[in-house]
Amino acid sequence: MKENETQEHLSSTPAEGHGDAEEGSDLAEEPDQRRQDRDRTCLPRNEKIRLIIQGLGLLGLLAGFLLFLFSGTVLPLFGTMVIVLLGYRRIDAWLDAAGRSQSSSALKKR
């Protein structure tokens, strides 16, 4: 029984070392490609902050909408929309200025 399993396992695995020279070069480049893919998936610090602020803004809008439903007046929803919009624009401008100053200081060091 174990011999059958071993034979099936050996027949299902491809033989190594029987490929073209091109296949060997693909294997040598693979770790570099993985590193590039990993680096692309990481977001810069400012972008992470923006995503968090957008998520909090959406939660705030949801809370404003729920207050609108329970209270019957549009004032909580309107106030929430204004605060979220102006708050995000202010934080976005601050992050842009901070990003520009960091990139300019990095260029000066070079």
C-alpha atoms as a PDB file:
ATOM      1  CA  MET A   1       0.000   0.000   0.000  1.00  0.00           C
ATOM      2  CA  LYS A   2       2.767   2.415   0.875  1.00  0.00           C
ATOM      3  CA  GLU A   3       4.611   1.447  -2.295  1.00  0.00           C
ATOM      4  CA  ASN A   4       1.601   2.510  -4.386  1.00  0.00           C
ATOM      5  CA  GLU A   5       1.422   5.858  -2.595  1.00  0.00           C
ATOM      6  CA  THR A   6       5.143   6.403  -3.067  1.00  0.00           C
ATOM      7  CA  GLN A   7       4.947   5.535  -6.768  1.00  0.00           C
ATOM      8  CA  GLU A   8       1.977   7.859  -7.252  1.00  0.00           C
ATOM      9  CA  HIS A   9       3.798  10.632  -5.430  1.00  0.00           C
ATOM     10  CA  LEU A  10       6.923  10.179  -7.537  1.00  0.00           C
ATOM     11  CA  SER A  11       4.972  10.040 -10.776  1.00  0.00           C
ATOM     12  CA  SER A  12       3.009  13.175  -9.908  1.00  0.00           C
ATOM     13  CA  THR A  13       6.109  15.306  -9.134  1.00  0.00           C
ATOM     14  CA  PRO A  14       7.889  16.740 -12.169  1.00  0.00           C
ATOM     15  CA  ALA A  15      11.457  15.729 -12.796  1.00  0.00           C
ATOM     16  CA  GLU A  16      13.985  18.393 -11.859  1.00  0.00           C
ATOM     17  CA  GLY A  17      16.831  19.463 -14.091  1.00  0.00           C
ATOM     18  CA  HIS A  18      15.172  18.506 -17.386  1.00  0.00           C
ATOM     19  CA  GLY A  19      14.062  22.018 -18.368  1.00  0.00           C
ATOM     20  CA  ASP A  20      15.487  24.554 -20.786  1.00  0.00           C
ATOM     21  CA  ALA A  21      18.042  27.170 -19.848  1.00  0.00           C
ATOM     22  CA  GLU A  22      15.264  29.774 -19.904  1.00  0.00           C
ATOM     23  CA  GLU A  23      13.428  28.050 -17.059  1.00  0.00           C
ATOM     24  CA  GLY A  24      16.542  28.272 -14.920  1.00  0.00           C
ATOM     25  CA  SER A  25      16.819  31.996 -15.560  1.00  0.00           C
ATOM     26  CA  ASP A  26      13.159  32.443 -14.542  1.00  0.00           C
ATOM     27  CA  LEU A  27      13.900  30.798 -11.233  1.00  0.00           C
ATOM     28  CA  ALA A  28      16.846  33.106 -10.626  1.00  0.00           C
ATOM     29  CA  GLU A  29      14.691  36.228 -11.211  1.00  0.00           C
ATOM     30  CA  GLU A  30      11.782  35.072  -9.096  1.00  0.00           C
ATOM     31  CA  PRO A  31      12.956  36.421  -5.679  1.00  0.00           C
ATOM     32  CA  ASP A  32      13.509  39.882  -7.184  1.00  0.00           C
ATOM     33  CA  GLN A  33       9.992  39.870  -8.597  1.00  0.00           C
ATOM     34  CA  ARG A  34       8.590  38.829  -5.224  1.00  0.00           C
ATOM     35  CA  ARG A  35      10.435  41.676  -3.505  1.00  0.00           C
ATOM     36  CA  GLN A  36       9.092  44.189  -6.028  1.00  0.00           C
ATOM     37  CA  ASP A  37       5.538  42.900  -5.557  1.00  0.00           C
ATOM     38  CA  ARG A  38       5.889  43.128  -1.789  1.00  0.00           C
ATOM     39  CA  ASP A  39       7.241  46.668  -1.995  1.00  0.00           C
ATOM     40  CA  ARG A  40       4.380  47.753  -4.225  1.00  0.00           C
ATOM     41  CA  THR A  41       1.744  46.538  -1.774  1.00  0.00           C
ATOM     42  CA  CYS A  42       3.094  48.643   1.098  1.00  0.00           C
ATOM     43  CA  LEU A  43       1.517  52.072   1.332  1.00  0.00           C
ATOM     44  CA  PRO A  44       3.470  55.122   2.415  1.00  0.00           C
ATOM     45  CA  ARG A  45       2.771  56.539   5.873  1.00  0.00           C
ATOM     46  CA  ASN A  46       0.743  59.503   4.555  1.00  0.00           C
ATOM     47  CA  GLU A  47      -1.489  57.242   2.478  1.00  0.00           C
ATOM     48  CA  LYS A  48      -2.197  55.035   5.492  1.00  0.00           C
ATOM     49  CA  ILE A  49      -3.187  58.115   7.482  1.00  0.00           C
ATOM     50  CA  ARG A  50      -5.477  59.245   4.641  1.00  0.00           C
ATOM     51  CA  LEU A  51      -7.183  55.837   4.531  1.00  0.00           C
ATOM     52  CA  ILE A  52      -7.747  55.895   8.286  1.00  0.00           C
ATOM     53  CA  ILE A  53      -9.181  59.423   8.117  1.00  0.00           C
ATOM     54  CA  GLN A  54     -11.493  58.414   5.255  1.00  0.00           C
ATOM     55  CA  GLY A  55     -12.708  55.416   7.247  1.00  0.00           C
ATOM     56  CA  LEU A  56     -13.363  57.595  10.281  1.00  0.00           C
ATOM     57  CA  GLY A  57     -15.165  60.087   8.053  1.00  0.00           C
ATOM     58  CA  LEU A  58     -17.417  57.348   6.713  1.00  0.00           C
ATOM     59  CA  LEU A  59     -18.192  56.221  10.245  1.00  0.00           C
ATOM     60  CA  GLY A  60     -19.010  59.815  11.140  1.00  0.00           C
ATOM     61  CA  LEU A  61     -21.325  60.104   8.160  1.00  0.00           C
ATOM     62  CA  LEU A  62     -23.031  56.878   9.175  1.00  0.00           C
ATOM     63  CA  ALA A  63     -23.522  58.232  12.679  1.00  0.00           C
ATOM     64  CA  GLY A  64     -24.939  61.473  11.236  1.00  0.00           C
ATOM     65  CA  PHE A  65     -27.311  59.497   9.045  1.00  0.00           C
ATOM     66  CA  LEU A  66     -28.482  57.440  12.015  1.00  0.00           C
ATOM     67  CA  LEU A  67     -29.057  60.632  14.014  1.00  0.00           C
ATOM     68  CA  PHE A  68     -31.035  61.973  11.050  1.00  0.00           C
ATOM     69  CA  LEU A  69     -33.221  58.860  11.030  1.00  0.00           C
ATOM     70  CA  PHE A  70     -33.900  58.911  14.761  1.00  0.00           C
ATOM     71  CA  SER A  71     -34.298  62.649  15.260  1.00  0.00           C
ATOM     72  CA  GLY A  72     -36.183  63.483  12.063  1.00  0.00           C
ATOM     73  CA  THR A  73     -34.141  66.632  11.425  1.00  0.00           C
ATOM     74  CA  VAL A  74     -31.505  67.060   8.776  1.00  0.00           C
ATOM     75  CA  LEU A  75     -29.205  69.197  10.939  1.00  0.00           C
ATOM     76  CA  PRO A  76     -27.059  66.322  12.331  1.00  0.00           C
ATOM     77  CA  LEU A  77     -26.481  64.899   8.842  1.00  0.00           C
ATOM     78  CA  PHE A  78     -25.660  68.305   7.374  1.00  0.00           C
ATOM     79  CA  GLY A  79     -23.311  69.143  10.247  1.00  0.00           C
ATOM     80  CA  THR A  80     -21.545  65.816   9.950  1.00  0.00           C
ATOM     81  CA  MET A  81     -21.064  66.240   6.204  1.00  0.00           C
ATOM     82  CA  VAL A  82     -19.584  69.714   6.621  1.00  0.00           C
ATOM     83  CA  ILE A  83     -17.262  68.667   9.446  1.00  0.00           C
ATOM     84  CA  VAL A  84     -16.065  65.544   7.615  1.00  0.00           C
ATOM     85  CA  LEU A  85     -15.472  67.380   4.334  1.00  0.00           C
ATOM     86  CA  LEU A  86     -13.644  70.344   5.838  1.00  0.00           C
ATOM     87  CA  GLY A  87     -11.713  68.155   8.253  1.00  0.00           C
ATOM     88  CA  TYR A  88     -10.514  65.836   5.518  1.00  0.00           C
ATOM     89  CA  ARG A  89      -9.491  68.725   3.259  1.00  0.00           C
ATOM     90  CA  ARG A  90      -7.501  70.286   6.087  1.00  0.00           C
ATOM     91  CA  ILE A  91      -5.733  67.030   7.005  1.00  0.00           C
ATOM     92  CA  ASP A  92      -5.065  66.275   3.327  1.00  0.00           C
ATOM     93  CA  ALA A  93      -3.451  69.688   2.830  1.00  0.00           C
ATOM     94  CA  TRP A  94      -1.369  69.185   5.975  1.00  0.00           C
ATOM     95  CA  LEU A  95      -0.189  65.750   4.794  1.00  0.00           C
ATOM     96  CA  ASP A  96       0.689  67.165   1.357  1.00  0.00           C
ATOM     97  CA  ALA A  97       2.765  69.940   2.940  1.00  0.00           C
ATOM     98  CA  ALA A  98       4.492  67.464   5.254  1.00  0.00           C
ATOM     99  CA  GLY A  99       5.202  65.123   2.327  1.00  0.00           C
ATOM    100  CA  ARG A 100       6.664  67.945   0.241  1.00  0.00           C
ATOM    101  CA  SER A 101       8.901  69.106   3.062  1.00  0.00           C
ATOM    102  CA  GLN A 102      10.166  65.554   3.664  1.00  0.00           C
ATOM    103  CA  SER A 103      10.906  64.999  -0.017  1.00  0.00           C
ATOM    104  CA  SER A 104      12.680  68.350  -0.354  1.00  0.00           C
ATOM    105  CA  SER A 105      14.810  67.671   2.739  1.00  0.00           C
ATOM    106  CA  ALA A 106      15.692  64.233   1.358  1.00  0.00           C
ATOM    107  CA  LEU A 107      16.802  65.844  -1.931  1.00  0.00           C
ATOM    108  CA  LYS A 108      18.943  68.382  -0.072  1.00  0.00           C
ATOM    109  CA  LYS A 109      20.762  65.616   1.787  1.00  0.00           C
ATOM    110  CA  ARG A 110      21.824  63.995  -1.480  1.00  0.00           C
END
